[in-house]
């Protein structure tokens, strides 16, 4: 399922969220704040291999007038 630029609608009533999702399917997905304003997109997902968990994601935020981007680690 492509999710780039569109909201994912979960249709299974027995679970409120997806239990398994590939990291690559989330790349370039929009990241929004609590006011549903877009603040950037997912640039990379960093995995803690020994723990088998996501360590953090890297948020990409475009600079003013599209003059580059800034990257921020988000735990």
PDB file of N, CA and C in Angstrom:
ATOM      1  N   UNK A   1       0.841  -1.176   0.000  1.00  0.00           N
ATOM      2  CA  UNK A   1       0.000   0.000   0.000  1.00  0.00           C
ATOM      3  C   UNK A   1       0.887   1.240   0.000  1.00  0.00           C
ATOM      4  N   UNK A   2       0.689   2.152  -0.955  1.00  0.00           N
ATOM      5  CA  UNK A   2       1.410   3.420  -0.976  1.00  0.00           C
ATOM      6  C   UNK A   2       0.749   4.365   0.021  1.00  0.00           C
ATOM      7  N   UNK A   3       1.568   5.035   0.817  1.00  0.00           N
ATOM      8  CA  UNK A   3       1.007   5.958   1.791  1.00  0.00           C
ATOM      9  C   UNK A   3       1.598   7.351   1.641  1.00  0.00           C
ATOM     10  N   UNK A   4       2.407   7.575   0.614  1.00  0.00           N
ATOM     11  CA  UNK A   4       3.058   8.864   0.443  1.00  0.00           C
ATOM     12  C   UNK A   4       2.032   9.929   0.075  1.00  0.00           C
ATOM     13  N   UNK A   5       1.898  10.926   0.922  1.00  0.00           N
ATOM     14  CA  UNK A   5       1.008  12.028   0.660  1.00  0.00           C
ATOM     15  C   UNK A   5      -0.451  11.778   0.962  1.00  0.00           C
ATOM     16  N   UNK A   6      -0.794  10.633   1.468  1.00  0.00           N
ATOM     17  CA  UNK A   6      -2.187  10.368   1.802  1.00  0.00           C
ATOM     18  C   UNK A   6      -2.270   9.771   3.201  1.00  0.00           C
ATOM     19  N   UNK A   7      -3.389   9.972   3.842  1.00  0.00           N
ATOM     20  CA  UNK A   7      -3.565   9.434   5.186  1.00  0.00           C
ATOM     21  C   UNK A   7      -3.899   7.952   5.102  1.00  0.00           C
ATOM     22  N   UNK A   8      -3.340   7.162   6.034  1.00  0.00           N
ATOM     23  CA  UNK A   8      -3.626   5.741   6.083  1.00  0.00           C
ATOM     24  C   UNK A   8      -4.871   5.533   6.928  1.00  0.00           C
ATOM     25  N   UNK A   9      -5.842   4.853   6.382  1.00  0.00           N
ATOM     26  CA  UNK A   9      -7.078   4.567   7.103  1.00  0.00           C
ATOM     27  C   UNK A   9      -7.037   3.113   7.531  1.00  0.00           C
ATOM     28  N   UNK A  10      -7.108   2.894   8.842  1.00  0.00           N
ATOM     29  CA  UNK A  10      -7.036   1.542   9.385  1.00  0.00           C
ATOM     30  C   UNK A  10      -8.441   0.965   9.434  1.00  0.00           C
ATOM     31  N   UNK A  11      -8.629  -0.189   8.824  1.00  0.00           N
ATOM     32  CA  UNK A  11      -9.973  -0.748   8.723  1.00  0.00           C
ATOM     33  C   UNK A  11     -10.218  -1.948   9.634  1.00  0.00           C
ATOM     34  N   UNK A  12      -9.155  -2.513  10.230  1.00  0.00           N
ATOM     35  CA  UNK A  12      -9.342  -3.670  11.121  1.00  0.00           C
ATOM     36  C   UNK A  12      -9.834  -3.176  12.477  1.00  0.00           C
ATOM     37  N   UNK A  13     -11.005  -3.624  12.884  1.00  0.00           N
ATOM     38  CA  UNK A  13     -11.598  -3.118  14.124  1.00  0.00           C
ATOM     39  C   UNK A  13     -11.003  -3.756  15.374  1.00  0.00           C
ATOM     40  N   UNK A  14     -10.298  -4.882  15.242  1.00  0.00           N
ATOM     41  CA  UNK A  14      -9.785  -5.579  16.418  1.00  0.00           C
ATOM     42  C   UNK A  14      -8.466  -5.012  16.939  1.00  0.00           C
ATOM     43  N   UNK A  15      -7.804  -4.131  16.222  1.00  0.00           N
ATOM     44  CA  UNK A  15      -6.570  -3.516  16.691  1.00  0.00           C
ATOM     45  C   UNK A  15      -6.539  -2.055  16.270  1.00  0.00           C
ATOM     46  N   UNK A  16      -6.155  -1.138  17.160  1.00  0.00           N
ATOM     47  CA  UNK A  16      -6.202   0.287  16.844  1.00  0.00           C
ATOM     48  C   UNK A  16      -5.029   0.783  16.002  1.00  0.00           C
ATOM     49  N   UNK A  17      -4.027  -0.066  15.733  1.00  0.00           N
ATOM     50  CA  UNK A  17      -2.849   0.368  14.974  1.00  0.00           C
ATOM     51  C   UNK A  17      -2.230  -0.822  14.257  1.00  0.00           C
ATOM     52  N   UNK A  18      -1.350  -0.521  13.330  1.00  0.00           N
ATOM     53  CA  UNK A  18      -0.648  -1.598  12.630  1.00  0.00           C
ATOM     54  C   UNK A  18       0.363  -2.219  13.561  1.00  0.00           C
ATOM     55  N   UNK A  19       0.491  -3.517  13.542  1.00  0.00           N
ATOM     56  CA  UNK A  19       1.430  -4.210  14.411  1.00  0.00           C
ATOM     57  C   UNK A  19       2.800  -4.320  13.770  1.00  0.00           C
ATOM     58  N   UNK A  20       2.869  -4.370  12.452  1.00  0.00           N
ATOM     59  CA  UNK A  20       4.134  -4.501  11.746  1.00  0.00           C
ATOM     60  C   UNK A  20       4.084  -3.615  10.505  1.00  0.00           C
ATOM     61  N   UNK A  21       5.161  -2.882  10.261  1.00  0.00           N
ATOM     62  CA  UNK A  21       5.227  -2.008   9.095  1.00  0.00           C
ATOM     63  C   UNK A  21       6.677  -1.896   8.666  1.00  0.00           C
ATOM     64  N   UNK A  22       6.955  -1.906   7.387  1.00  0.00           N
ATOM     65  CA  UNK A  22       8.335  -1.776   6.929  1.00  0.00           C
ATOM     66  C   UNK A  22       8.785  -0.328   7.061  1.00  0.00           C
ATOM     67  N   UNK A  23      10.043  -0.151   7.428  1.00  0.00           N
ATOM     68  CA  UNK A  23      10.593   1.202   7.579  1.00  0.00           C
ATOM     69  C   UNK A  23      10.573   1.944   6.248  1.00  0.00           C
ATOM     70  N   UNK A  24      10.848   1.235   5.166  1.00  0.00           N
ATOM     71  CA  UNK A  24      10.891   1.901   3.863  1.00  0.00           C
ATOM     72  C   UNK A  24       9.524   2.437   3.443  1.00  0.00           C
ATOM     73  N   UNK A  25       8.435   1.854   3.941  1.00  0.00           N
ATOM     74  CA  UNK A  25       7.106   2.347   3.572  1.00  0.00           C
ATOM     75  C   UNK A  25       6.791   3.686   4.231  1.00  0.00           C
ATOM     76  N   UNK A  26       7.548   4.055   5.264  1.00  0.00           N
ATOM     77  CA  UNK A  26       7.304   5.323   5.950  1.00  0.00           C
ATOM     78  C   UNK A  26       8.207   6.453   5.451  1.00  0.00           C
ATOM     79  N   UNK A  27       9.194   6.124   4.626  1.00  0.00           N
ATOM     80  CA  UNK A  27      10.108   7.139   4.131  1.00  0.00           C
ATOM     81  C   UNK A  27       9.352   8.186   3.329  1.00  0.00           C
ATOM     82  N   UNK A  28       9.670   9.426   3.554  1.00  0.00           N
ATOM     83  CA  UNK A  28       9.067  10.588   2.887  1.00  0.00           C
ATOM     84  C   UNK A  28       7.641  10.867   3.333  1.00  0.00           C
ATOM     85  N   UNK A  29       7.111  10.114   4.309  1.00  0.00           N
ATOM     86  CA  UNK A  29       5.775  10.426   4.824  1.00  0.00           C
ATOM     87  C   UNK A  29       5.825  11.764   5.551  1.00  0.00           C
ATOM     88  N   UNK A  30       4.740  12.512   5.468  1.00  0.00           N
ATOM     89  CA  UNK A  30       4.655  13.806   6.144  1.00  0.00           C
ATOM     90  C   UNK A  30       4.582  13.615   7.650  1.00  0.00           C
ATOM     91  N   UNK A  31       5.171  14.568   8.383  1.00  0.00           N
ATOM     92  CA  UNK A  31       5.093  14.598   9.843  1.00  0.00           C
ATOM     93  C   UNK A  31       4.337  15.870  10.210  1.00  0.00           C
ATOM     94  N   UNK A  32       3.286  15.716  11.022  1.00  0.00           N
ATOM     95  CA  UNK A  32       2.449  16.857  11.399  1.00  0.00           C
ATOM     96  C   UNK A  32       2.477  17.069  12.904  1.00  0.00           C
ATOM     97  N   UNK A  33       2.225  18.311  13.327  1.00  0.00           N
ATOM     98  CA  UNK A  33       2.141  18.607  14.755  1.00  0.00           C
ATOM     99  C   UNK A  33       0.714  18.359  15.241  1.00  0.00           C
ATOM    100  N   UNK A  34       0.450  18.695  16.506  1.00  0.00           N
ATOM    101  CA  UNK A  34      -0.879  18.436  17.078  1.00  0.00           C
ATOM    102  C   UNK A  34      -1.973  19.263  16.420  1.00  0.00           C
ATOM    103  N   UNK A  35      -1.605  20.376  15.785  1.00  0.00           N
ATOM    104  CA  UNK A  35      -2.581  21.202  15.082  1.00  0.00           C
ATOM    105  C   UNK A  35      -2.769  20.733  13.637  1.00  0.00           C
ATOM    106  N   UNK A  36      -2.218  19.556  13.298  1.00  0.00           N
ATOM    107  CA  UNK A  36      -2.296  18.949  11.969  1.00  0.00           C
ATOM    108  C   UNK A  36      -1.621  19.809  10.897  1.00  0.00           C
ATOM    109  N   UNK A  37      -0.583  20.562  11.300  1.00  0.00           N
ATOM    110  CA  UNK A  37       0.206  21.353  10.359  1.00  0.00           C
ATOM    111  C   UNK A  37       1.452  20.552   9.993  1.00  0.00           C
ATOM    112  N   UNK A  38       1.751  20.482   8.709  1.00  0.00           N
ATOM    113  CA  UNK A  38       2.924  19.730   8.267  1.00  0.00           C
ATOM    114  C   UNK A  38       4.196  20.457   8.710  1.00  0.00           C
ATOM    115  N   UNK A  39       5.100  19.702   9.377  1.00  0.00           N
ATOM    116  CA  UNK A  39       6.350  20.319   9.833  1.00  0.00           C
ATOM    117  C   UNK A  39       7.574  19.744   9.113  1.00  0.00           C
ATOM    118  N   UNK A  40       7.399  18.660   8.400  1.00  0.00           N
ATOM    119  CA  UNK A  40       8.507  18.055   7.673  1.00  0.00           C
ATOM    120  C   UNK A  40       8.136  16.668   7.202  1.00  0.00           C
ATOM    121  N   UNK A  41       9.171  15.873   6.909  1.00  0.00           N
ATOM    122  CA  UNK A  41       8.935  14.503   6.459  1.00  0.00           C
ATOM    123  C   UNK A  41      10.002  13.585   7.045  1.00  0.00           C
ATOM    124  N   UNK A  42       9.731  12.298   7.037  1.00  0.00           N
ATOM    125  CA  UNK A  42      10.681  11.317   7.558  1.00  0.00           C
ATOM    126  C   UNK A  42      11.794  11.141   6.527  1.00  0.00           C
ATOM    127  N   UNK A  43      13.024  11.407   6.944  1.00  0.00           N
ATOM    128  CA  UNK A  43      14.188  11.300   6.066  1.00  0.00           C
ATOM    129  C   UNK A  43      14.840   9.928   6.196  1.00  0.00           C
ATOM    130  N   UNK A  44      14.918   9.429   7.432  1.00  0.00           N
ATOM    131  CA  UNK A  44      15.570   8.155   7.694  1.00  0.00           C
ATOM    132  C   UNK A  44      15.060   7.597   9.010  1.00  0.00           C
ATOM    133  N   UNK A  45      15.124   6.278   9.157  1.00  0.00           N
ATOM    134  CA  UNK A  45      14.760   5.614  10.408  1.00  0.00           C
ATOM    135  C   UNK A  45      15.980   4.828  10.859  1.00  0.00           C
ATOM    136  N   UNK A  46      16.458   5.108  12.062  1.00  0.00           N
ATOM    137  CA  UNK A  46      17.675   4.494  12.579  1.00  0.00           C
ATOM    138  C   UNK A  46      17.306   3.371  13.542  1.00  0.00           C
ATOM    139  N   UNK A  47      17.887   2.196  13.316  1.00  0.00           N
ATOM    140  CA  UNK A  47      17.572   0.995  14.086  1.00  0.00           C
ATOM    141  C   UNK A  47      18.686   0.681  15.075  1.00  0.00           C
ATOM    142  N   UNK A  48      18.318   0.397  16.319  1.00  0.00           N
ATOM    143  CA  UNK A  48      19.251  -0.114  17.321  1.00  0.00           C
ATOM    144  C   UNK A  48      19.261  -1.630  17.124  1.00  0.00           C
ATOM    145  N   UNK A  49      20.256  -2.120  16.392  1.00  0.00           N
ATOM    146  CA  UNK A  49      20.277  -3.529  15.995  1.00  0.00           C
ATOM    147  C   UNK A  49      20.323  -4.485  17.183  1.00  0.00           C
ATOM    148  N   UNK A  50      21.222  -4.283  18.185  1.00  0.00           N
ATOM    149  CA  UNK A  50      21.241  -5.236  19.309  1.00  0.00           C
ATOM    150  C   UNK A  50      19.916  -5.305  20.062  1.00  0.00           C
ATOM    151  N   UNK A  51      19.234  -4.172  20.210  1.00  0.00           N
ATOM    152  CA  UNK A  51      17.959  -4.150  20.942  1.00  0.00           C
ATOM    153  C   UNK A  51      16.788  -4.560  20.048  1.00  0.00           C
ATOM    154  N   UNK A  52      16.970  -4.465  18.737  1.00  0.00           N
ATOM    155  CA  UNK A  52      15.888  -4.799  17.822  1.00  0.00           C
ATOM    156  C   UNK A  52      14.759  -3.793  17.844  1.00  0.00           C
ATOM    157  N   UNK A  53      15.090  -2.519  18.071  1.00  0.00           N
ATOM    158  CA  UNK A  53      14.079  -1.466  18.169  1.00  0.00           C
ATOM    159  C   UNK A  53      14.504  -0.252  17.354  1.00  0.00           C
ATOM    160  N   UNK A  54      13.548   0.610  17.086  1.00  0.00           N
ATOM    161  CA  UNK A  54      13.864   1.878  16.440  1.00  0.00           C
ATOM    162  C   UNK A  54      14.537   2.770  17.482  1.00  0.00           C
ATOM    163  N   UNK A  55      15.719   3.289  17.153  1.00  0.00           N
ATOM    164  CA  UNK A  55      16.431   4.183  18.061  1.00  0.00           C
ATOM    165  C   UNK A  55      15.876   5.604  17.930  1.00  0.00           C
ATOM    166  N   UNK A  56      15.742   6.062  16.703  1.00  0.00           N
ATOM    167  CA  UNK A  56      15.174   7.386  16.438  1.00  0.00           C
ATOM    168  C   UNK A  56      14.891   7.516  14.955  1.00  0.00           C
ATOM    169  N   UNK A  57      14.136   8.539  14.600  1.00  0.00           N
ATOM    170  CA  UNK A  57      13.920   8.859  13.199  1.00  0.00           C
ATOM    171  C   UNK A  57      14.566  10.199  12.915  1.00  0.00           C
ATOM    172  N   UNK A  58      14.899  10.423  11.682  1.00  0.00           N
ATOM    173  CA  UNK A  58      15.490  11.690  11.276  1.00  0.00           C
ATOM    174  C   UNK A  58      14.407  12.468  10.540  1.00  0.00           C
ATOM    175  N   UNK A  59      14.076  13.646  11.081  1.00  0.00           N
ATOM    176  CA  UNK A  59      13.060  14.520  10.513  1.00  0.00           C
ATOM    177  C   UNK A  59      13.723  15.512   9.570  1.00  0.00           C
ATOM    178  N   UNK A  60      13.222  15.633   8.361  1.00  0.00           N
ATOM    179  CA  UNK A  60      13.726  16.587   7.374  1.00  0.00           C
ATOM    180  C   UNK A  60      12.776  17.777   7.330  1.00  0.00           C
ATOM    181  N   UNK A  61      13.317  18.975   7.543  1.00  0.00           N
ATOM    182  CA  UNK A  61      12.525  20.206   7.503  1.00  0.00           C
ATOM    183  C   UNK A  61      13.131  21.107   6.440  1.00  0.00           C
ATOM    184  N   UNK A  62      12.304  21.529   5.470  1.00  0.00           N
ATOM    185  CA  UNK A  62      12.802  22.394   4.402  1.00  0.00           C
ATOM    186  C   UNK A  62      13.106  23.782   4.931  1.00  0.00           C
ATOM    187  N   UNK A  63      14.191  24.340   4.410  1.00  0.00           N
ATOM    188  CA  UNK A  63      14.573  25.707   4.754  1.00  0.00           C
ATOM    189  C   UNK A  63      13.627  26.686   4.056  1.00  0.00           C
ATOM    190  N   UNK A  64      13.697  27.935   4.448  1.00  0.00           N
ATOM    191  CA  UNK A  64      12.873  29.002   3.882  1.00  0.00           C
ATOM    192  C   UNK A  64      13.044  29.052   2.364  1.00  0.00           C
ATOM    193  N   UNK A  65      11.967  29.133   1.630  1.00  0.00           N
ATOM    194  CA  UNK A  65      11.923  29.209   0.170  1.00  0.00           C
ATOM    195  C   UNK A  65      12.550  28.001  -0.514  1.00  0.00           C
ATOM    196  N   UNK A  66      12.602  26.866   0.183  1.00  0.00           N
ATOM    197  CA  UNK A  66      13.134  25.656  -0.427  1.00  0.00           C
ATOM    198  C   UNK A  66      14.627  25.657  -0.644  1.00  0.00           C
ATOM    199  N   UNK A  67      15.359  26.470   0.118  1.00  0.00           N
ATOM    200  CA  UNK A  67      16.810  26.578  -0.037  1.00  0.00           C
ATOM    201  C   UNK A  67      17.529  25.544   0.847  1.00  0.00           C
ATOM    202  N   UNK A  68      17.325  24.273   0.575  1.00  0.00           N
ATOM    203  CA  UNK A  68      17.964  23.226   1.357  1.00  0.00           C
ATOM    204  C   UNK A  68      17.046  22.663   2.415  1.00  0.00           C
ATOM    205  N   UNK A  69      17.629  21.848   3.273  1.00  0.00           N
ATOM    206  CA  UNK A  69      16.854  21.227   4.334  1.00  0.00           C
ATOM    207  C   UNK A  69      17.706  21.075   5.584  1.00  0.00           C
ATOM    208  N   UNK A  70      17.047  20.977   6.726  1.00  0.00           N
ATOM    209  CA  UNK A  70      17.720  20.709   7.991  1.00  0.00           C
ATOM    210  C   UNK A  70      17.233  19.368   8.495  1.00  0.00           C
ATOM    211  N   UNK A  71      18.133  18.615   9.125  1.00  0.00           N
ATOM    212  CA  UNK A  71      17.805  17.295   9.640  1.00  0.00           C
ATOM    213  C   UNK A  71      17.848  17.309  11.159  1.00  0.00           C
ATOM    214  N   UNK A  72      16.837  16.693  11.791  1.00  0.00           N
ATOM    215  CA  UNK A  72      16.726  16.653  13.244  1.00  0.00           C
ATOM    216  C   UNK A  72      16.469  15.226  13.703  1.00  0.00           C
ATOM    217  N   UNK A  73      17.249  14.711  14.664  1.00  0.00           N
ATOM    218  CA  UNK A  73      16.940  13.379  15.219  1.00  0.00           C
ATOM    219  C   UNK A  73      15.766  13.494  16.188  1.00  0.00           C
ATOM    220  N   UNK A  74      14.816  12.588  16.085  1.00  0.00           N
ATOM    221  CA  UNK A  74      13.653  12.583  16.963  1.00  0.00           C
ATOM    222  C   UNK A  74      13.559  11.207  17.605  1.00  0.00           C
ATOM    223  N   UNK A  75      13.696  11.128  18.959  1.00  0.00           N
ATOM    224  CA  UNK A  75      13.635   9.824  19.632  1.00  0.00           C
ATOM    225  C   UNK A  75      12.288   9.143  19.461  1.00  0.00           C
TER     226      UNK A  75
END
